Every structure is written in C-alpha cells, then in structure tokens.
Amino acid sequence: MPKSRVRGGKKSHKKRIQKRNQNIASQQNRIQKLWEQELENRMKELKMTGETENQEIDTSEPLDIKV
C-alpha cells in the first residue's frame, strides 16, 4: 500500500501542504515586521543624535533581531 494512502490520501496531503504554506507565510510576515520595526528604531536613534547628515550608515553589521 502506498504511503499516501496510509496517511489519508490526496485530500489530507493537500490539507497538510496548505497548512505548511500558511505557517511559512505567517513566519515571513512576522520576521518582516520585526525587521521594519528594528530599522525604524535605528533610524529614530540616529535622528535623535543628529549624526545622520554627515555619517555613512554601515550596512555590513547585521541587525540583532530575536525571533
């Protein structure tokens, strides 16, 4: 007997894949929001210090985002 029949067939497989894709999309959205929030916070910090006019931003340093 094929493995797909043991696990419920095509319908349940489709349901599992749909759930997996939904989880991946929600994780990507959450990480994107965290990234944008961290970027806004850094920009606010730089604007507060007034160093944005003559300073180059170092993009080689990774952002510290905790998931």
PDB file of N, CA and C in Angstrom:
ATOM      1  N   MET A   1       0.851  -1.178   0.000  1.00  0.00           N
ATOM      2  CA  MET A   1       0.000   0.000   0.000  1.00  0.00           C
ATOM      3  C   MET A   1       0.899   1.246   0.000  1.00  0.00           C
ATOM      4  N   PRO A   2       0.620   2.192  -0.877  1.00  0.00           N
ATOM      5  CA  PRO A   2       1.440   3.410  -0.932  1.00  0.00           C
ATOM      6  C   PRO A   2       1.346   4.225   0.357  1.00  0.00           C
ATOM      7  N   LYS A   3       2.398   4.956   0.619  1.00  0.00           N
ATOM      8  CA  LYS A   3       2.471   5.769   1.829  1.00  0.00           C
ATOM      9  C   LYS A   3       1.351   6.817   1.881  1.00  0.00           C
ATOM     10  N   SER A   4       0.980   7.378   0.722  1.00  0.00           N
ATOM     11  CA  SER A   4      -0.044   8.421   0.702  1.00  0.00           C
ATOM     12  C   SER A   4      -1.397   7.894   1.171  1.00  0.00           C
ATOM     13  N   ARG A   5      -1.705   6.654   0.875  1.00  0.00           N
ATOM     14  CA  ARG A   5      -2.982   6.088   1.307  1.00  0.00           C
ATOM     15  C   ARG A   5      -2.981   5.847   2.800  1.00  0.00           C
ATOM     16  N   VAL A   6      -1.857   5.488   3.340  1.00  0.00           N
ATOM     17  CA  VAL A   6      -1.757   5.242   4.774  1.00  0.00           C
ATOM     18  C   VAL A   6      -1.982   6.548   5.535  1.00  0.00           C
ATOM     19  N   ARG A   7      -1.520   7.634   4.994  1.00  0.00           N
ATOM     20  CA  ARG A   7      -1.593   8.921   5.679  1.00  0.00           C
ATOM     21  C   ARG A   7      -2.853   9.703   5.314  1.00  0.00           C
ATOM     22  N   GLY A   8      -3.784   9.131   4.596  1.00  0.00           N
ATOM     23  CA  GLY A   8      -5.047   9.797   4.348  1.00  0.00           C
ATOM     24  C   GLY A   8      -5.310  10.162   2.908  1.00  0.00           C
ATOM     25  N   GLY A   9      -4.368   9.980   2.022  1.00  0.00           N
ATOM     26  CA  GLY A   9      -4.618  10.235   0.616  1.00  0.00           C
ATOM     27  C   GLY A   9      -4.354  11.660   0.179  1.00  0.00           C
ATOM     28  N   LYS A  10      -4.826  11.934  -1.019  1.00  0.00           N
ATOM     29  CA  LYS A  10      -4.554  13.213  -1.682  1.00  0.00           C
ATOM     30  C   LYS A  10      -5.177  14.396  -0.931  1.00  0.00           C
ATOM     31  N   LYS A  11      -6.395  14.199  -0.438  1.00  0.00           N
ATOM     32  CA  LYS A  11      -7.091  15.289   0.236  1.00  0.00           C
ATOM     33  C   LYS A  11      -6.358  15.731   1.502  1.00  0.00           C
ATOM     34  N   SER A  12      -5.927  14.783   2.305  1.00  0.00           N
ATOM     35  CA  SER A  12      -5.224  15.154   3.533  1.00  0.00           C
ATOM     36  C   SER A  12      -3.829  15.698   3.235  1.00  0.00           C
ATOM     37  N   HIS A  13      -3.208  15.184   2.186  1.00  0.00           N
ATOM     38  CA  HIS A  13      -1.901  15.712   1.787  1.00  0.00           C
ATOM     39  C   HIS A  13      -2.028  17.184   1.394  1.00  0.00           C
ATOM     40  N   LYS A  14      -3.050  17.486   0.606  1.00  0.00           N
ATOM     41  CA  LYS A  14      -3.285  18.863   0.178  1.00  0.00           C
ATOM     42  C   LYS A  14      -3.528  19.768   1.390  1.00  0.00           C
ATOM     43  N   LYS A  15      -4.250  19.246   2.365  1.00  0.00           N
ATOM     44  CA  LYS A  15      -4.544  19.999   3.577  1.00  0.00           C
ATOM     45  C   LYS A  15      -3.262  20.269   4.380  1.00  0.00           C
ATOM     46  N   ARG A  16      -2.396  19.258   4.478  1.00  0.00           N
ATOM     47  CA  ARG A  16      -1.121  19.426   5.196  1.00  0.00           C
ATOM     48  C   ARG A  16      -0.239  20.464   4.507  1.00  0.00           C
ATOM     49  N   ILE A  17      -0.169  20.406   3.194  1.00  0.00           N
ATOM     50  CA  ILE A  17       0.656  21.351   2.426  1.00  0.00           C
ATOM     51  C   ILE A  17       0.109  22.763   2.571  1.00  0.00           C
ATOM     52  N   GLN A  18      -1.193  22.924   2.539  1.00  0.00           N
ATOM     53  CA  GLN A  18      -1.815  24.234   2.693  1.00  0.00           C
ATOM     54  C   GLN A  18      -1.495  24.815   4.072  1.00  0.00           C
ATOM     55  N   LYS A  19      -1.559  23.987   5.101  1.00  0.00           N
ATOM     56  CA  LYS A  19      -1.239  24.427   6.459  1.00  0.00           C
ATOM     57  C   LYS A  19       0.236  24.805   6.566  1.00  0.00           C
ATOM     58  N   ARG A  20       1.115  24.015   5.964  1.00  0.00           N
ATOM     59  CA  ARG A  20       2.547  24.303   5.977  1.00  0.00           C
ATOM     60  C   ARG A  20       2.840  25.631   5.289  1.00  0.00           C
ATOM     61  N   ASN A  21       2.241  25.845   4.135  1.00  0.00           N
ATOM     62  CA  ASN A  21       2.453  27.091   3.400  1.00  0.00           C
ATOM     63  C   ASN A  21       1.934  28.300   4.173  1.00  0.00           C
ATOM     64  N   GLN A  22       0.822  28.123   4.874  1.00  0.00           N
ATOM     65  CA  GLN A  22       0.268  29.204   5.674  1.00  0.00           C
ATOM     66  C   GLN A  22       1.212  29.540   6.841  1.00  0.00           C
ATOM     67  N   ASN A  23       1.784  28.523   7.460  1.00  0.00           N
ATOM     68  CA  ASN A  23       2.738  28.745   8.551  1.00  0.00           C
ATOM     69  C   ASN A  23       3.978  29.482   8.055  1.00  0.00           C
ATOM     70  N   ILE A  24       4.473  29.096   6.901  1.00  0.00           N
ATOM     71  CA  ILE A  24       5.656  29.744   6.328  1.00  0.00           C
ATOM     72  C   ILE A  24       5.360  31.208   6.029  1.00  0.00           C
ATOM     73  N   ALA A  25       4.205  31.480   5.462  1.00  0.00           N
ATOM     74  CA  ALA A  25       3.836  32.859   5.127  1.00  0.00           C
ATOM     75  C   ALA A  25       3.693  33.708   6.387  1.00  0.00           C
ATOM     76  N   SER A  26       3.102  33.155   7.429  1.00  0.00           N
ATOM     77  CA  SER A  26       2.936  33.928   8.663  1.00  0.00           C
ATOM     78  C   SER A  26       4.283  34.202   9.325  1.00  0.00           C
ATOM     79  N   GLN A  27       5.204  33.245   9.265  1.00  0.00           N
ATOM     80  CA  GLN A  27       6.545  33.465   9.806  1.00  0.00           C
ATOM     81  C   GLN A  27       7.276  34.547   9.017  1.00  0.00           C
ATOM     82  N   GLN A  28       7.161  34.528   7.712  1.00  0.00           N
ATOM     83  CA  GLN A  28       7.807  35.540   6.887  1.00  0.00           C
ATOM     84  C   GLN A  28       7.252  36.929   7.195  1.00  0.00           C
ATOM     85  N   ASN A  29       5.934  37.034   7.359  1.00  0.00           N
ATOM     86  CA  ASN A  29       5.320  38.320   7.691  1.00  0.00           C
ATOM     87  C   ASN A  29       5.803  38.820   9.048  1.00  0.00           C
ATOM     88  N   ARG A  30       5.899  37.911  10.018  1.00  0.00           N
ATOM     89  CA  ARG A  30       6.328  38.289  11.357  1.00  0.00           C
ATOM     90  C   ARG A  30       7.772  38.786  11.343  1.00  0.00           C
ATOM     91  N   ILE A  31       8.637  38.079  10.629  1.00  0.00           N
ATOM     92  CA  ILE A  31      10.042  38.474  10.540  1.00  0.00           C
ATOM     93  C   ILE A  31      10.177  39.808   9.803  1.00  0.00           C
ATOM     94  N   GLN A  32       9.384  40.007   8.752  1.00  0.00           N
ATOM     95  CA  GLN A  32       9.410  41.269   8.007  1.00  0.00           C
ATOM     96  C   GLN A  32       9.009  42.435   8.905  1.00  0.00           C
ATOM     97  N   LYS A  33       7.971  42.246   9.726  1.00  0.00           N
ATOM     98  CA  LYS A  33       7.535  43.301  10.631  1.00  0.00           C
ATOM     99  C   LYS A  33       8.605  43.610  11.659  1.00  0.00           C
ATOM    100  N   LEU A  34       9.261  42.574  12.200  1.00  0.00           N
ATOM    101  CA  LEU A  34      10.343  42.787  13.161  1.00  0.00           C
ATOM    102  C   LEU A  34      11.494  43.546  12.522  1.00  0.00           C
ATOM    103  N   TRP A  35      11.822  43.190  11.287  1.00  0.00           N
ATOM    104  CA  TRP A  35      12.906  43.849  10.561  1.00  0.00           C
ATOM    105  C   TRP A  35      12.598  45.345  10.370  1.00  0.00           C
ATOM    106  N   GLU A  36      11.381  45.641   9.916  1.00  0.00           N
ATOM    107  CA  GLU A  36      10.987  47.026   9.694  1.00  0.00           C
ATOM    108  C   GLU A  36      10.962  47.812  11.002  1.00  0.00           C
ATOM    109  N   GLN A  37      10.505  47.185  12.071  1.00  0.00           N
ATOM    110  CA  GLN A  37      10.461  47.843  13.365  1.00  0.00           C
ATOM    111  C   GLN A  37      11.874  48.149  13.866  1.00  0.00           C
ATOM    112  N   GLU A  38      12.777  47.207  13.721  1.00  0.00           N
ATOM    113  CA  GLU A  38      14.159  47.413  14.136  1.00  0.00           C
ATOM    114  C   GLU A  38      14.806  48.517  13.305  1.00  0.00           C
ATOM    115  N   LEU A  39      14.530  48.546  12.019  1.00  0.00           N
ATOM    116  CA  LEU A  39      15.070  49.580  11.149  1.00  0.00           C
ATOM    117  C   LEU A  39      14.543  50.965  11.553  1.00  0.00           C
ATOM    118  N   GLU A  40      13.253  51.053  11.854  1.00  0.00           N
ATOM    119  CA  GLU A  40      12.681  52.321  12.303  1.00  0.00           C
ATOM    120  C   GLU A  40      13.317  52.780  13.613  1.00  0.00           C
ATOM    121  N   ASN A  41      13.529  51.841  14.531  1.00  0.00           N
ATOM    122  CA  ASN A  41      14.148  52.188  15.809  1.00  0.00           C
ATOM    123  C   ASN A  41      15.554  52.728  15.606  1.00  0.00           C
ATOM    124  N   ARG A  42      16.313  52.107  14.737  1.00  0.00           N
ATOM    125  CA  ARG A  42      17.677  52.572  14.474  1.00  0.00           C
ATOM    126  C   ARG A  42      17.679  53.946  13.817  1.00  0.00           C
ATOM    127  N   MET A  43      16.730  54.170  12.900  1.00  0.00           N
ATOM    128  CA  MET A  43      16.645  55.476  12.255  1.00  0.00           C
ATOM    129  C   MET A  43      16.267  56.558  13.272  1.00  0.00           C
ATOM    130  N   LYS A  44      15.366  56.234  14.191  1.00  0.00           N
ATOM    131  CA  LYS A  44      14.989  57.189  15.229  1.00  0.00           C
ATOM    132  C   LYS A  44      16.187  57.521  16.113  1.00  0.00           C
ATOM    133  N   GLU A  45      16.969  56.499  16.473  1.00  0.00           N
ATOM    134  CA  GLU A  45      18.159  56.718  17.290  1.00  0.00           C
ATOM    135  C   GLU A  45      19.132  57.649  16.572  1.00  0.00           C
ATOM    136  N   LEU A  46      19.338  57.416  15.301  1.00  0.00           N
ATOM    137  CA  LEU A  46      20.258  58.250  14.547  1.00  0.00           C
ATOM    138  C   LEU A  46      19.736  59.674  14.408  1.00  0.00           C
ATOM    139  N   LYS A  47      18.439  59.832  14.223  1.00  0.00           N
ATOM    140  CA  LYS A  47      17.864  61.171  14.109  1.00  0.00           C
ATOM    141  C   LYS A  47      17.958  61.922  15.437  1.00  0.00           C
ATOM    142  N   MET A  48      17.817  61.203  16.538  1.00  0.00           N
ATOM    143  CA  MET A  48      17.912  61.825  17.853  1.00  0.00           C
ATOM    144  C   MET A  48      19.316  62.367  18.102  1.00  0.00           C
ATOM    145  N   THR A  49      20.320  61.649  17.649  1.00  0.00           N
ATOM    146  CA  THR A  49      21.690  62.085  17.882  1.00  0.00           C
ATOM    147  C   THR A  49      22.111  63.152  16.881  1.00  0.00           C
ATOM    148  N   GLY A  50      21.401  63.270  15.771  1.00  0.00           N
ATOM    149  CA  GLY A  50      21.710  64.291  14.782  1.00  0.00           C
ATOM    150  C   GLY A  50      22.935  63.977  13.953  1.00  0.00           C
ATOM    151  N   GLU A  51      23.318  62.733  13.883  1.00  0.00           N
ATOM    152  CA  GLU A  51      24.516  62.343  13.153  1.00  0.00           C
ATOM    153  C   GLU A  51      24.220  61.803  11.762  1.00  0.00           C
ATOM    154  N   THR A  52      23.009  61.905  11.306  1.00  0.00           N
ATOM    155  CA  THR A  52      22.655  61.310  10.022  1.00  0.00           C
ATOM    156  C   THR A  52      23.102  62.154   8.833  1.00  0.00           C
ATOM    157  N   GLU A  53      23.349  63.432   9.044  1.00  0.00           N
ATOM    158  CA  GLU A  53      23.688  64.289   7.918  1.00  0.00           C
ATOM    159  C   GLU A  53      25.070  64.007   7.345  1.00  0.00           C
ATOM    160  N   ASN A  54      26.055  63.772   8.198  1.00  0.00           N
ATOM    161  CA  ASN A  54      27.425  63.617   7.731  1.00  0.00           C
ATOM    162  C   ASN A  54      27.979  62.212   7.936  1.00  0.00           C
ATOM    163  N   GLN A  55      27.164  61.283   8.339  1.00  0.00           N
ATOM    164  CA  GLN A  55      27.643  59.942   8.659  1.00  0.00           C
ATOM    165  C   GLN A  55      27.091  58.934   7.659  1.00  0.00           C
ATOM    166  N   GLU A  56      27.976  58.034   7.209  1.00  0.00           N
ATOM    167  CA  GLU A  56      27.533  56.936   6.355  1.00  0.00           C
ATOM    168  C   GLU A  56      27.057  55.800   7.242  1.00  0.00           C
ATOM    169  N   ILE A  57      26.004  55.154   6.820  1.00  0.00           N
ATOM    170  CA  ILE A  57      25.451  54.049   7.598  1.00  0.00           C
ATOM    171  C   ILE A  57      26.165  52.768   7.200  1.00  0.00           C
ATOM    172  N   ASP A  58      26.648  52.040   8.195  1.00  0.00           N
ATOM    173  CA  ASP A  58      27.356  50.793   7.968  1.00  0.00           C
ATOM    174  C   ASP A  58      26.339  49.664   7.845  1.00  0.00           C
ATOM    175  N   THR A  59      26.168  49.147   6.634  1.00  0.00           N
ATOM    176  CA  THR A  59      25.197  48.085   6.410  1.00  0.00           C
ATOM    177  C   THR A  59      25.809  46.693   6.534  1.00  0.00           C
ATOM    178  N   SER A  60      27.112  46.628   6.758  1.00  0.00           N
ATOM    179  CA  SER A  60      27.748  45.306   6.873  1.00  0.00           C
ATOM    180  C   SER A  60      27.450  44.660   8.230  1.00  0.00           C
ATOM    181  N   GLU A  61      27.063  45.465   9.225  1.00  0.00           N
ATOM    182  CA  GLU A  61      26.754  44.930  10.540  1.00  0.00           C
ATOM    183  C   GLU A  61      25.320  44.382  10.536  1.00  0.00           C
ATOM    184  N   PRO A  62      25.129  43.110  10.914  1.00  0.00           N
ATOM    185  CA  PRO A  62      23.781  42.542  10.884  1.00  0.00           C
ATOM    186  C   PRO A  62      22.928  43.096  12.026  1.00  0.00           C
ATOM    187  N   LEU A  63      21.625  43.187  11.777  1.00  0.00           N
ATOM    188  CA  LEU A  63      20.698  43.625  12.808  1.00  0.00           C
ATOM    189  C   LEU A  63      20.470  42.486  13.790  1.00  0.00           C
ATOM    190  N   ASP A  64      20.350  42.802  15.061  1.00  0.00           N
ATOM    191  CA  ASP A  64      20.139  41.799  16.099  1.00  0.00           C
ATOM    192  C   ASP A  64      18.639  41.659  16.343  1.00  0.00           C
ATOM    193  N   ILE A  65      18.026  40.736  15.606  1.00  0.00           N
ATOM    194  CA  ILE A  65      16.580  40.505  15.738  1.00  0.00           C
ATOM    195  C   ILE A  65      16.371  39.149  16.370  1.00  0.00           C
ATOM    196  N   LYS A  66      15.654  39.148  17.469  1.00  0.00           N
ATOM    197  CA  LYS A  66      15.376  37.896  18.181  1.00  0.00           C
ATOM    198  C   LYS A  66      14.008  37.392  17.778  1.00  0.00           C
ATOM    199  N   VAL A  67      13.967  36.161  17.316  1.00  0.00           N
ATOM    200  CA  VAL A  67      12.719  35.586  16.844  1.00  0.00           C
ATOM    201  C   VAL A  67      12.126  34.709  17.905  1.00  0.00           C
TER     202      VAL A  67
END
